[in-house]
Amino acid sequence: MIEPTHNRQLVVMNDHILAWMVPVKGLLALFVLYVHVIDKAYTWPWFVAPNPKWPQGTYTDRLFHLVPSDLSPLWAVLVTCGWLGVFAPGVFIVLSGLGLTWSLLKGGHQVNWTAFFIRRAKKIYLAYWAISLTVILIYVFLGQDVVNTKTLWSVTGLKWRTDLFFYLSPPWWFIWTILQLYLLFPLLIWIMRRYGITALLIVSFAVTVAARSAGLVWIEDENTLHCYSLGMVALTRLLEFSTGIALGCLLHRVNDLRVNRAELLLSGIGLFAVGILLSISWTGTIFAPACISLGTLAILIVAWEWISHQTRWADAVRDIGETSYELYLVHEPLLNLVSYLVPLHTVGHVLGLIASALFSIPVAQLTSRIIQRLMAR
């Protein structure tokens, strides 16, 4: 699968800046917008996490429920494609581990962990605080009760309880998960350097399986189980993060790494399909997120290879990728504002959601520019 030769059918995986990472983040951000518009306009996908309210019946019955049955074929396909974007945060977790490791190894063996954590905190919190304050002020203006201790906890990013995990803006759960994984990063790097990539993956696989299995066995409340599995305890997503670390190390070690495009695409589709099939069985949800995240990443890398030759779209996707974090933070409050102001499930509501999703892109870019100027001081 890995070939060192130059060929137009090969994907360049590791130039000096990992040029594919930013646009892949842009594609992921667009998927996130899509799934949240579908969520507001229709409903949330039932198979995203283990839940006692899953469609009843056999495994085959649940398989047929992957596509909504109460819509016309065209709308069913559009909704199902939107639902698939719900797994984008897992890919962001993989890319976080990859990007951190790549930067660390490019900088040499000596690591100033204090400086590392300060840089990561600034990158996470400056945008998060700015957008959180804006959202809180809007909620206060609309008469919502947000002056409470839950808001204070949310502003810190420490969404460690079920009632905090989706508070203020549901997608912001990702902040708490990634903070935990950043704290584990030095330990994971130490394991990799001391015992190797294989040992890191074995340990991470065992910890992830144990953590996700424990949730299925001991957590009875469906909302708590959903939050726990999604990342309220980040050990449930450790394998994805560690796989990113392993990929970052591999890409750093192997010069001019090139992967056959067709093989990468087929591998991605295969992993994604296996992950979806696993995700609709109770035990399968232990392994599904890692399969889906890695499969989606492979598919998007190949998709970007095609888009990169379409100049008109390539620049736009790359620009969105540059501000994917800010877009992740800002889009949901804007969608919620539309749902608050416009009657639900009407044509006006759907059009408002689409317009709001598109409007969130320049808002995110403006926020990013302001944050960059603050960080440069």
Protein backbone atom coordinates (compact mmCIF):
# COMPACT_ATOMS: atom_id res chain seq x y z
CA MET A 1 0.00 0.00 0.00
CA ILE A 2 2.86 2.37 0.83
CA GLU A 3 4.97 3.22 -2.19
CA PRO A 4 7.95 5.60 -2.44
CA THR A 5 7.66 6.33 -6.14
CA HIS A 6 6.12 9.37 -7.83
CA ASN A 7 2.78 8.63 -9.43
CA ARG A 8 -0.37 10.62 -10.09
CA GLN A 9 -2.37 7.81 -8.49
CA LEU A 10 -0.54 8.27 -5.17
CA VAL A 11 -1.48 10.57 -2.30
CA VAL A 12 1.40 12.53 -0.75
CA MET A 13 0.93 12.00 2.98
CA ASN A 14 3.85 13.88 4.52
CA ASP A 15 5.31 16.96 2.92
CA HIS A 16 6.93 19.48 5.26
CA ILE A 17 3.61 20.93 6.42
CA LEU A 18 1.12 18.05 6.03
CA ALA A 19 -0.70 20.13 3.43
CA TRP A 20 -3.81 17.94 3.47
CA MET A 21 -4.61 18.45 7.16
CA VAL A 22 -6.09 21.96 7.00
CA PRO A 23 -8.45 21.30 4.05
CA VAL A 24 -9.55 17.98 5.58
CA LYS A 25 -10.52 19.97 8.68
CA GLY A 26 -12.46 22.25 6.35
CA LEU A 27 -14.39 19.30 4.91
CA LEU A 28 -15.08 18.04 8.44
CA ALA A 29 -16.35 21.45 9.51
CA LEU A 30 -18.76 21.49 6.56
CA PHE A 31 -20.01 18.04 7.60
CA VAL A 32 -20.60 19.36 11.12
CA LEU A 33 -22.67 22.24 9.73
CA TYR A 34 -24.65 19.81 7.60
CA VAL A 35 -25.47 17.38 10.42
CA HIS A 36 -26.57 20.15 12.78
CA VAL A 37 -28.84 21.69 10.14
CA ILE A 38 -30.38 18.23 9.66
CA ASP A 39 -30.70 17.87 13.44
CA LYS A 40 -32.65 21.13 13.78
CA ALA A 41 -34.75 20.59 10.67
CA TYR A 42 -35.51 16.88 11.14
CA THR A 43 -34.00 14.88 14.01
CA TRP A 44 -30.77 13.50 15.43
CA PRO A 45 -29.49 10.10 14.21
CA TRP A 46 -30.54 7.36 16.62
CA PHE A 47 -27.43 5.21 16.07
CA VAL A 48 -24.87 7.77 17.27
CA ALA A 49 -24.56 6.18 20.74
CA PRO A 50 -25.89 3.13 22.60
CA ASN A 51 -29.42 3.82 23.76
CA PRO A 52 -32.25 1.63 25.11
CA LYS A 53 -34.65 3.51 22.79
CA TRP A 54 -33.03 2.14 19.66
CA PRO A 55 -35.46 0.76 17.07
CA GLN A 56 -36.78 -2.47 18.48
CA GLY A 57 -36.35 -5.84 16.81
CA THR A 58 -33.47 -7.79 15.35
CA TYR A 59 -30.14 -6.47 14.13
CA THR A 60 -31.54 -6.58 10.58
CA ASP A 61 -34.50 -4.43 11.66
CA ARG A 62 -32.12 -1.80 13.04
CA LEU A 63 -30.05 -1.98 9.85
CA PHE A 64 -33.08 -0.96 7.79
CA HIS A 65 -33.68 1.96 10.17
CA LEU A 66 -30.32 3.51 9.22
CA VAL A 67 -32.24 5.38 6.51
CA PRO A 68 -35.38 7.27 7.65
CA SER A 69 -38.52 5.53 6.38
CA ASP A 70 -40.93 8.46 6.71
CA LEU A 71 -39.34 10.59 3.99
CA SER A 72 -39.24 10.51 0.21
CA PRO A 73 -36.18 8.72 -1.25
CA LEU A 74 -34.40 11.99 -2.10
CA TRP A 75 -34.91 13.52 1.35
CA ALA A 76 -34.04 10.22 3.02
CA VAL A 77 -30.68 10.19 1.22
CA LEU A 78 -30.00 13.85 2.10
CA VAL A 79 -30.84 13.25 5.76
CA THR A 80 -28.76 10.06 5.93
CA CYS A 81 -25.74 11.81 4.40
CA GLY A 82 -26.18 14.56 6.97
CA TRP A 83 -26.39 12.04 9.78
CA LEU A 84 -23.00 10.63 8.81
CA GLY A 85 -21.43 13.98 9.72
CA VAL A 86 -22.18 13.24 13.37
CA PHE A 87 -18.93 11.26 13.51
CA ALA A 88 -16.75 14.23 12.51
CA PRO A 89 -15.56 14.98 16.09
CA GLY A 90 -13.86 11.58 16.18
CA VAL A 91 -11.81 12.54 13.13
CA PHE A 92 -10.92 15.84 14.80
CA ILE A 93 -9.64 13.78 17.75
CA VAL A 94 -7.42 11.71 15.44
CA LEU A 95 -6.13 14.86 13.73
CA SER A 96 -5.43 16.49 17.10
CA GLY A 97 -3.18 13.61 18.12
CA LEU A 98 -1.53 13.60 14.69
CA GLY A 99 -0.94 17.35 14.57
CA LEU A 100 0.43 17.57 18.11
CA THR A 101 2.84 14.69 17.50
CA TRP A 102 4.00 16.02 14.14
CA SER A 103 4.75 19.45 15.64
CA LEU A 104 6.47 17.89 18.64
CA LEU A 105 8.76 15.66 16.58
CA LYS A 106 9.58 18.43 14.10
CA GLY A 107 10.68 20.56 17.05
CA GLY A 108 13.22 18.03 18.37
CA HIS A 109 13.40 15.70 21.35
CA GLN A 110 13.51 18.30 24.12
CA VAL A 111 10.00 19.39 25.08
CA ASN A 112 9.04 22.26 27.34
CA TRP A 113 5.72 20.89 28.55
CA THR A 114 4.84 24.09 30.43
CA ALA A 115 5.16 26.12 27.24
CA PHE A 116 3.25 23.42 25.37
CA PHE A 117 0.26 23.60 27.72
CA ILE A 118 0.28 27.41 27.72
CA ARG A 119 0.17 27.50 23.90
CA ARG A 120 -2.64 24.95 23.75
CA ALA A 121 -4.62 26.76 26.45
CA LYS A 122 -4.36 30.06 24.60
CA LYS A 123 -5.43 28.46 21.34
CA ILE A 124 -8.44 26.80 22.96
CA TYR A 125 -9.61 29.39 25.45
CA LEU A 126 -9.28 32.76 23.73
CA ALA A 127 -11.81 31.84 21.03
CA TYR A 128 -13.91 29.79 23.44
CA TRP A 129 -14.22 32.61 25.98
CA ALA A 130 -14.98 35.24 23.33
CA ILE A 131 -17.75 33.16 21.79
CA SER A 132 -19.06 31.96 25.17
CA LEU A 133 -19.39 35.54 26.43
CA THR A 134 -21.23 36.56 23.26
CA VAL A 135 -23.62 33.61 23.56
CA ILE A 136 -24.28 34.32 27.25
CA LEU A 137 -25.08 37.96 26.49
CA ILE A 138 -27.47 36.93 23.70
CA TYR A 139 -29.23 34.46 26.01
CA VAL A 140 -29.56 37.13 28.70
CA PHE A 141 -31.00 39.55 26.11
CA LEU A 142 -33.54 36.87 25.10
CA GLY A 143 -34.56 36.40 28.72
CA GLN A 144 -32.91 33.00 29.26
CA ASP A 145 -31.73 32.05 32.74
CA VAL A 146 -28.00 31.54 32.23
CA VAL A 147 -26.61 33.42 35.24
CA ASN A 148 -25.81 30.37 37.33
CA THR A 149 -23.02 28.02 38.39
CA LYS A 150 -23.55 25.78 35.35
CA THR A 151 -22.59 28.71 33.14
CA LEU A 152 -19.44 29.27 35.17
CA TRP A 153 -18.46 25.62 34.81
CA SER A 154 -19.19 25.79 31.09
CA VAL A 155 -17.00 28.85 30.61
CA THR A 156 -14.08 26.98 32.19
CA GLY A 157 -14.60 24.17 29.68
CA LEU A 158 -14.84 21.64 32.52
CA LYS A 159 -17.99 19.85 31.38
CA TRP A 160 -17.48 16.92 33.73
CA ARG A 161 -21.14 16.26 34.62
CA THR A 162 -24.06 15.11 32.52
CA ASP A 163 -25.97 18.36 33.11
CA LEU A 164 -22.92 20.36 31.99
CA PHE A 165 -21.81 18.28 29.02
CA PHE A 166 -24.22 19.79 26.45
CA TYR A 167 -24.94 23.01 28.34
CA LEU A 168 -25.05 26.39 26.49
CA SER A 169 -24.07 24.76 23.17
CA PRO A 170 -24.08 20.96 22.71
CA PRO A 171 -21.02 20.74 20.37
CA TRP A 172 -18.89 22.39 23.03
CA TRP A 173 -18.60 19.02 24.78
CA PHE A 174 -15.57 18.57 22.56
CA ILE A 175 -13.63 21.17 24.58
CA TRP A 176 -13.73 19.08 27.76
CA THR A 177 -12.80 15.90 25.91
CA ILE A 178 -9.83 17.43 24.13
CA LEU A 179 -8.59 19.08 27.34
CA GLN A 180 -8.43 15.67 28.99
CA LEU A 181 -6.60 14.18 26.02
CA TYR A 182 -4.08 17.04 26.02
CA LEU A 183 -3.31 16.30 29.67
CA LEU A 184 -2.69 12.65 28.74
CA PHE A 185 -0.51 13.59 25.77
CA PRO A 186 2.86 13.71 27.63
CA LEU A 187 2.22 10.25 29.10
CA LEU A 188 1.27 8.83 25.71
CA ILE A 189 4.38 10.32 24.11
CA TRP A 190 6.50 8.80 26.88
CA ILE A 191 4.96 5.36 26.26
CA MET A 192 5.58 5.68 22.54
CA ARG A 193 9.20 6.76 22.96
CA ARG A 194 9.96 4.19 25.65
CA TYR A 195 8.12 1.14 24.30
CA GLY A 196 7.23 1.96 20.69
CA ILE A 197 4.15 2.65 18.56
CA THR A 198 2.78 -0.89 18.84
CA ALA A 199 2.83 -0.78 22.65
CA LEU A 200 1.08 2.61 22.61
CA LEU A 201 -1.71 1.27 20.40
CA ILE A 202 -2.11 -1.93 22.43
CA VAL A 203 -2.36 0.00 25.72
CA SER A 204 -4.76 2.55 24.22
CA PHE A 205 -6.92 -0.18 22.69
CA ALA A 206 -7.14 -2.03 26.02
CA VAL A 207 -7.95 1.14 27.99
CA THR A 208 -10.58 2.27 25.47
CA VAL A 209 -12.29 -1.13 25.33
CA ALA A 210 -12.29 -1.34 29.14
CA ALA A 211 -13.69 2.20 29.52
CA ARG A 212 -16.44 1.78 26.92
CA SER A 213 -17.35 -1.69 28.20
CA ALA A 214 -17.63 -0.38 31.76
CA GLY A 215 -20.13 2.22 30.58
CA LEU A 216 -22.30 -0.37 28.87
CA VAL A 217 -22.26 -2.62 31.92
CA TRP A 218 -22.71 -0.17 34.77
CA ILE A 219 -24.40 3.00 33.44
CA GLU A 220 -28.17 2.59 33.23
CA ASP A 221 -29.30 6.15 32.52
CA GLU A 222 -29.39 6.66 28.74
CA ASN A 223 -28.32 10.32 28.79
CA THR A 224 -25.40 9.61 31.12
CA LEU A 225 -24.31 6.70 28.92
CA HIS A 226 -24.48 8.90 25.82
CA CYS A 227 -22.34 11.61 27.42
CA TYR A 228 -19.90 9.10 28.87
CA SER A 229 -19.40 7.27 25.56
CA LEU A 230 -19.11 10.50 23.58
CA GLY A 231 -16.18 11.74 25.65
CA MET A 232 -17.24 12.99 29.07
CA VAL A 233 -14.57 10.54 30.23
CA ALA A 234 -11.94 10.90 27.51
CA LEU A 235 -10.61 7.38 28.00
CA THR A 236 -13.55 6.26 25.84
CA ARG A 237 -11.90 8.11 22.90
CA LEU A 238 -8.27 7.33 23.77
CA LEU A 239 -7.71 4.92 20.88
CA GLU A 240 -8.60 7.57 18.29
CA PHE A 241 -6.23 10.11 19.87
CA SER A 242 -3.40 7.56 20.19
CA THR A 243 -3.90 6.41 16.61
CA GLY A 244 -3.38 10.03 15.60
CA ILE A 245 -0.16 10.07 17.64
CA ALA A 246 1.00 6.87 15.93
CA LEU A 247 0.22 8.30 12.49
CA GLY A 248 2.09 11.50 13.33
CA CYS A 249 5.14 9.48 14.33
CA LEU A 250 4.92 7.31 11.21
CA LEU A 251 4.60 10.31 8.89
CA HIS A 252 7.60 11.92 10.58
CA ARG A 253 9.78 8.82 10.30
CA VAL A 254 9.11 7.85 6.68
CA ASN A 255 10.40 10.29 4.09
CA ASP A 256 8.20 11.02 1.07
CA LEU A 257 5.41 8.68 2.19
CA ARG A 258 2.93 8.07 -0.61
CA VAL A 259 -0.20 5.93 -0.49
CA ASN A 260 -2.11 4.49 -3.41
CA ARG A 261 -5.26 6.57 -3.81
CA ALA A 262 -7.59 3.71 -4.74
CA GLU A 263 -6.34 1.51 -1.89
CA LEU A 264 -6.67 4.36 0.60
CA LEU A 265 -10.24 5.06 -0.55
CA LEU A 266 -11.29 1.41 -0.45
CA SER A 267 -9.70 0.97 2.98
CA GLY A 268 -11.55 4.04 4.23
CA ILE A 269 -14.90 2.90 2.85
CA GLY A 270 -14.35 -0.56 4.33
CA LEU A 271 -13.47 0.76 7.79
CA PHE A 272 -16.38 3.20 7.70
CA ALA A 273 -18.85 0.48 6.67
CA VAL A 274 -17.59 -1.86 9.39
CA GLY A 275 -17.90 0.95 11.92
CA ILE A 276 -21.50 1.71 10.93
CA LEU A 277 -22.45 -1.96 11.12
CA LEU A 278 -20.82 -2.20 14.55
CA SER A 279 -22.51 0.99 15.75
CA ILE A 280 -26.01 -0.54 15.62
CA SER A 281 -25.18 -3.40 17.97
CA TRP A 282 -24.77 -2.91 21.71
CA THR A 283 -21.34 -4.58 21.95
CA GLY A 284 -20.26 -3.18 18.59
CA THR A 285 -20.41 0.38 19.92
CA ILE A 286 -17.23 -0.40 21.87
CA PHE A 287 -15.24 -0.57 18.64
CA ALA A 288 -17.32 1.51 16.19
CA PRO A 289 -15.96 5.06 16.84
CA ALA A 290 -12.34 4.22 16.03
CA CYS A 291 -13.32 2.38 12.82
CA ILE A 292 -15.59 5.21 11.66
CA SER A 293 -13.11 7.98 12.52
CA LEU A 294 -10.19 6.34 10.68
CA GLY A 295 -12.39 5.36 7.73
CA THR A 296 -13.77 8.88 7.41
CA LEU A 297 -10.26 10.37 7.58
CA ALA A 298 -9.05 8.14 4.73
CA ILE A 299 -12.09 9.01 2.59
CA LEU A 300 -11.67 12.74 3.18
CA ILE A 301 -7.96 12.68 2.34
CA VAL A 302 -8.82 11.17 -1.05
CA ALA A 303 -11.73 13.60 -1.47
CA TRP A 304 -9.36 16.50 -0.86
CA GLU A 305 -6.94 15.12 -3.46
CA TRP A 306 -9.74 15.47 -6.00
CA ILE A 307 -11.01 18.84 -4.74
CA SER A 308 -7.48 20.29 -4.69
CA HIS A 309 -7.48 20.25 -8.50
CA GLN A 310 -10.70 22.30 -8.57
CA THR A 311 -9.21 25.75 -7.90
CA ARG A 312 -12.52 27.46 -7.26
CA TRP A 313 -13.43 25.09 -4.43
CA ALA A 314 -9.98 24.27 -3.11
CA ASP A 315 -9.28 27.76 -1.76
CA ALA A 316 -12.68 27.94 -0.08
CA VAL A 317 -12.24 24.57 1.64
CA ARG A 318 -8.73 25.51 2.76
CA ASP A 319 -9.98 28.83 4.18
CA ILE A 320 -12.72 27.03 6.13
CA GLY A 321 -10.15 24.57 7.46
CA GLU A 322 -8.01 27.42 8.76
CA THR A 323 -10.89 28.52 10.99
CA SER A 324 -12.51 25.13 11.63
CA TYR A 325 -12.19 25.46 15.41
CA GLU A 326 -13.90 28.85 15.51
CA LEU A 327 -16.57 27.58 13.12
CA TYR A 328 -17.15 24.56 15.38
CA LEU A 329 -17.75 26.94 18.28
CA VAL A 330 -19.87 29.59 16.60
CA HIS A 331 -22.25 27.73 14.29
CA GLU A 332 -24.52 26.03 16.85
CA PRO A 333 -25.50 29.22 18.74
CA LEU A 334 -26.47 30.81 15.42
CA LEU A 335 -28.58 27.78 14.48
CA ASN A 336 -30.22 27.86 17.91
CA LEU A 337 -31.02 31.55 17.44
CA VAL A 338 -32.87 30.77 14.20
CA SER A 339 -34.80 27.97 15.92
CA TYR A 340 -35.73 30.39 18.71
CA LEU A 341 -36.94 33.15 16.39
CA VAL A 342 -38.57 31.18 13.55
CA PRO A 343 -41.43 28.64 13.87
CA LEU A 344 -39.99 25.14 13.85
CA HIS A 345 -40.26 22.70 10.93
CA THR A 346 -41.44 25.27 8.42
CA VAL A 347 -39.90 26.27 5.09
CA GLY A 348 -38.76 29.51 6.72
CA HIS A 349 -37.08 27.55 9.49
CA VAL A 350 -35.14 25.32 7.08
CA LEU A 351 -34.08 28.28 4.92
CA GLY A 352 -33.08 30.19 8.04
CA LEU A 353 -30.96 27.27 9.25
CA ILE A 354 -29.16 27.04 5.91
CA ALA A 355 -28.55 30.79 5.84
CA SER A 356 -27.35 30.73 9.43
CA ALA A 357 -24.94 27.87 8.72
CA LEU A 358 -23.47 29.75 5.77
CA PHE A 359 -23.29 32.99 7.76
CA SER A 360 -21.34 31.22 10.50
CA ILE A 361 -18.40 30.77 8.11
CA PRO A 362 -17.48 34.49 7.78
CA VAL A 363 -18.29 34.98 11.49
CA ALA A 364 -15.76 32.27 12.33
CA GLN A 365 -13.18 33.83 10.01
CA LEU A 366 -13.65 37.24 11.61
CA THR A 367 -13.35 35.71 15.08
CA SER A 368 -10.14 33.94 14.05
CA ARG A 369 -8.56 37.18 12.80
CA ILE A 370 -9.37 38.95 16.06
CA ILE A 371 -7.96 36.07 18.13
CA GLN A 372 -4.77 35.94 16.06
CA ARG A 373 -4.17 39.65 16.67
CA LEU A 374 -4.68 39.15 20.41
CA MET A 375 -2.26 36.20 20.47
CA ALA A 376 0.34 38.17 18.53
CA ARG A 377 0.55 40.79 21.27
